[in-house]
Every structure is written in C-alpha cells, then in structure tokens.
Amino acid sequence: MARARQLIDARQYVLDSVWGDVQPSAEDENEFLESHSWDEYAEWHLGLTDGATDETKARYAFVYGDLRRVHRMGLIACQYRAAEWRHKELELTAHELLQRLDGKRA
C-alpha cells in the first residue's frame, strides 16, 4: 500500500480508463519481472493469495495499476472484488487509497 500512496502523492495516476483494457496482462507482468524484483512486483498488489508459492505471480492479488501508474478504475475493481469475496481489510485499503486519490485530484 505504501507504493500506491507514493504514486498517488506524486500524481502518478490515471483517472479515466477501462480497467479491462489496461490491467497488466501475463505478458506485461513477465516483461516487468525481467527487469524488476519480486518485491517490486508485490508493491503493485494489495493482497496475497493463500497457499500460493512465494515468488510466483499466483502469490499476488488485487493489482491496482498498470505497473507504471495507479488507475482509479483499478482501485475501484480491487474494492469491488474484495467486497465480493468478503476480504474486509483489503476492501477498506482500496477504499482508503481511492479516497486519497480523489482528494488529490480535487
């Protein structure tokens, strides 16, 4: 969550996007991992998948950006999915980040 906050504070975000079109694909993630660490990859996700092996893409869940910028629709998608799956802590985290982003743009 710290990375998301930093990006929002630095105004590194996209307000209007179609999340299904801009969320990272498996290929995007592979390209990112060629030049970045697993820790850096993890910073783009709000949660971890139970039972998944460390240092695998399956380990990380709730991506909120395109691996360069935060997407408002990515945060909304995280909040919605977390609420749907009853992950209250992640739902609240996504909500807090969305409020922070909306506050910056106001």
C-alpha atoms as a PDB file:
ATOM      1  CA  MET A   1       0.000   0.000   0.000  1.00  0.00           C
ATOM      2  CA  ALA A   2       2.943   2.324   0.581  1.00  0.00           C
ATOM      3  CA  ARG A   3       3.844   2.253  -3.112  1.00  0.00           C
ATOM      4  CA  ALA A   4       0.281   3.166  -4.094  1.00  0.00           C
ATOM      5  CA  ARG A   5       0.312   6.077  -1.655  1.00  0.00           C
ATOM      6  CA  GLN A   6       3.633   7.326  -3.042  1.00  0.00           C
ATOM      7  CA  LEU A   7       2.353   7.176  -6.602  1.00  0.00           C
ATOM      8  CA  ILE A   8      -0.864   8.971  -5.696  1.00  0.00           C
ATOM      9  CA  ASP A   9       1.022  11.679  -3.819  1.00  0.00           C
ATOM     10  CA  ALA A  10       3.312  12.098  -6.843  1.00  0.00           C
ATOM     11  CA  ARG A  11       0.221  12.335  -9.084  1.00  0.00           C
ATOM     12  CA  GLN A  12       1.240   9.215 -10.971  1.00  0.00           C
ATOM     13  CA  TYR A  13      -2.288   8.061 -11.677  1.00  0.00           C
ATOM     14  CA  VAL A  14      -4.879   7.698 -14.416  1.00  0.00           C
ATOM     15  CA  LEU A  15      -8.359   8.930 -13.601  1.00  0.00           C
ATOM     16  CA  ASP A  16     -10.311   7.568 -16.559  1.00  0.00           C
ATOM     17  CA  SER A  17      -9.549   4.176 -18.069  1.00  0.00           C
ATOM     18  CA  VAL A  18     -11.244   0.941 -18.976  1.00  0.00           C
ATOM     19  CA  TRP A  19      -9.668  -1.381 -16.411  1.00  0.00           C
ATOM     20  CA  GLY A  20     -10.199  -4.490 -18.524  1.00  0.00           C
ATOM     21  CA  ASP A  21      -8.132  -2.886 -21.277  1.00  0.00           C
ATOM     22  CA  VAL A  22      -5.272  -1.518 -19.169  1.00  0.00           C
ATOM     23  CA  GLN A  23      -4.775  -4.011 -16.347  1.00  0.00           C
ATOM     24  CA  PRO A  24      -1.473  -5.865 -16.730  1.00  0.00           C
ATOM     25  CA  SER A  25      -1.571  -8.966 -18.891  1.00  0.00           C
ATOM     26  CA  ALA A  26       0.548 -12.029 -18.180  1.00  0.00           C
ATOM     27  CA  GLU A  27       2.960 -10.781 -20.846  1.00  0.00           C
ATOM     28  CA  ASP A  28       3.132  -7.329 -19.224  1.00  0.00           C
ATOM     29  CA  GLU A  29       3.888  -8.955 -15.879  1.00  0.00           C
ATOM     30  CA  ASN A  30       6.601 -11.167 -17.393  1.00  0.00           C
ATOM     31  CA  GLU A  31       8.258  -8.145 -19.021  1.00  0.00           C
ATOM     32  CA  PHE A  32       8.121  -6.263 -15.717  1.00  0.00           C
ATOM     33  CA  LEU A  33       9.727  -9.166 -13.871  1.00  0.00           C
ATOM     34  CA  GLU A  34      12.596  -9.305 -16.379  1.00  0.00           C
ATOM     35  CA  SER A  35      13.927  -6.019 -15.013  1.00  0.00           C
ATOM     36  CA  HIS A  36      12.357  -5.781 -11.538  1.00  0.00           C
ATOM     37  CA  SER A  37      12.434  -7.816  -8.345  1.00  0.00           C
ATOM     38  CA  TRP A  38       9.602  -9.837  -6.852  1.00  0.00           C
ATOM     39  CA  ASP A  39       9.423  -7.240  -4.079  1.00  0.00           C
ATOM     40  CA  GLU A  40       8.824  -4.524  -6.672  1.00  0.00           C
ATOM     41  CA  TYR A  41       6.179  -6.694  -8.352  1.00  0.00           C
ATOM     42  CA  ALA A  42       4.488  -7.263  -4.994  1.00  0.00           C
ATOM     43  CA  GLU A  43       4.190  -3.495  -4.471  1.00  0.00           C
ATOM     44  CA  TRP A  44       1.624  -3.383  -7.306  1.00  0.00           C
ATOM     45  CA  HIS A  45      -0.757  -5.667  -5.397  1.00  0.00           C
ATOM     46  CA  LEU A  46      -2.821  -5.108  -2.283  1.00  0.00           C
ATOM     47  CA  GLY A  47      -3.026  -8.739  -1.183  1.00  0.00           C
ATOM     48  CA  LEU A  48      -1.509 -12.199  -1.179  1.00  0.00           C
ATOM     49  CA  THR A  49      -3.066 -15.458  -2.263  1.00  0.00           C
ATOM     50  CA  ASP A  50      -3.244 -18.090   0.477  1.00  0.00           C
ATOM     51  CA  GLY A  51      -1.381 -21.271  -0.373  1.00  0.00           C
ATOM     52  CA  ALA A  52       0.443 -19.888  -3.408  1.00  0.00           C
ATOM     53  CA  THR A  53       4.205 -20.255  -3.560  1.00  0.00           C
ATOM     54  CA  ASP A  54       6.395 -17.214  -2.903  1.00  0.00           C
ATOM     55  CA  GLU A  55       7.954 -15.577  -5.966  1.00  0.00           C
ATOM     56  CA  THR A  56       5.214 -16.710  -8.313  1.00  0.00           C
ATOM     57  CA  LYS A  57       2.676 -14.437  -9.967  1.00  0.00           C
ATOM     58  CA  ALA A  58      -0.098 -16.515  -8.409  1.00  0.00           C
ATOM     59  CA  ARG A  59       1.065 -15.333  -4.981  1.00  0.00           C
ATOM     60  CA  TYR A  60      -0.038 -11.733  -5.543  1.00  0.00           C
ATOM     61  CA  ALA A  61      -3.632 -10.494  -5.803  1.00  0.00           C
ATOM     62  CA  PHE A  62      -5.572  -7.263  -6.228  1.00  0.00           C
ATOM     63  CA  VAL A  63      -3.428  -5.392  -8.740  1.00  0.00           C
ATOM     64  CA  TYR A  64      -4.316  -1.692  -8.768  1.00  0.00           C
ATOM     65  CA  GLY A  65      -2.194  -0.244 -11.577  1.00  0.00           C
ATOM     66  CA  ASP A  66      -0.582  -0.871 -14.937  1.00  0.00           C
ATOM     67  CA  LEU A  67       2.893  -1.396 -13.388  1.00  0.00           C
ATOM     68  CA  ARG A  68       3.685   2.280 -14.031  1.00  0.00           C
ATOM     69  CA  ARG A  69       0.759   4.268 -12.614  1.00  0.00           C
ATOM     70  CA  VAL A  70      -2.190   3.809 -10.287  1.00  0.00           C
ATOM     71  CA  HIS A  71      -5.521   3.540 -12.094  1.00  0.00           C
ATOM     72  CA  ARG A  72      -8.626   4.848 -10.386  1.00  0.00           C
ATOM     73  CA  MET A  73     -10.612   2.048 -12.015  1.00  0.00           C
ATOM     74  CA  GLY A  74      -8.021  -0.443 -10.728  1.00  0.00           C
ATOM     75  CA  LEU A  75      -8.695   0.704  -7.169  1.00  0.00           C
ATOM     76  CA  ILE A  76     -12.441   0.503  -7.756  1.00  0.00           C
ATOM     77  CA  ALA A  77     -12.016  -3.031  -9.124  1.00  0.00           C
ATOM     78  CA  CYS A  78      -9.962  -4.011  -6.059  1.00  0.00           C
ATOM     79  CA  GLN A  79     -12.560  -2.586  -3.707  1.00  0.00           C
ATOM     80  CA  TYR A  80     -15.400  -4.329  -5.529  1.00  0.00           C
ATOM     81  CA  ARG A  81     -13.652  -7.716  -5.693  1.00  0.00           C
ATOM     82  CA  ALA A  82     -12.576  -7.515  -2.056  1.00  0.00           C
ATOM     83  CA  ALA A  83     -16.158  -6.738  -1.006  1.00  0.00           C
ATOM     84  CA  GLU A  84     -17.491  -9.519  -3.211  1.00  0.00           C
ATOM     85  CA  TRP A  85     -15.124 -12.069  -1.657  1.00  0.00           C
ATOM     86  CA  ARG A  86     -15.547 -10.658   1.875  1.00  0.00           C
ATOM     87  CA  HIS A  87     -11.939  -9.524   2.288  1.00  0.00           C
ATOM     88  CA  LYS A  88     -12.876  -6.605   4.515  1.00  0.00           C
ATOM     89  CA  GLU A  89      -9.335  -5.398   5.216  1.00  0.00           C
ATOM     90  CA  LEU A  90      -8.477  -5.228   1.514  1.00  0.00           C
ATOM     91  CA  GLU A  91     -11.814  -3.584   0.745  1.00  0.00           C
ATOM     92  CA  LEU A  92     -11.041  -0.850   3.273  1.00  0.00           C
ATOM     93  CA  THR A  93      -7.477  -0.467   1.998  1.00  0.00           C
ATOM     94  CA  ALA A  94      -8.697   0.016  -1.575  1.00  0.00           C
ATOM     95  CA  HIS A  95     -11.330   2.466  -0.326  1.00  0.00           C
ATOM     96  CA  GLU A  96      -8.744   4.497   1.585  1.00  0.00           C
ATOM     97  CA  LEU A  97      -6.496   4.672  -1.484  1.00  0.00           C
ATOM     98  CA  LEU A  98      -9.411   5.692  -3.675  1.00  0.00           C
ATOM     99  CA  GLN A  99     -10.303   8.474  -1.221  1.00  0.00           C
ATOM    100  CA  ARG A 100      -6.661   9.619  -1.193  1.00  0.00           C
ATOM    101  CA  LEU A 101      -6.573   9.713  -4.990  1.00  0.00           C
ATOM    102  CA  ASP A 102      -9.884  11.568  -5.221  1.00  0.00           C
ATOM    103  CA  GLY A 103      -8.642  14.047  -2.626  1.00  0.00           C
ATOM    104  CA  LYS A 104      -5.508  14.757  -4.647  1.00  0.00           C
ATOM    105  CA  ARG A 105      -7.426  15.484  -7.810  1.00  0.00           C
ATOM    106  CA  ALA A 106      -9.970  17.763  -6.113  1.00  0.00           C
END
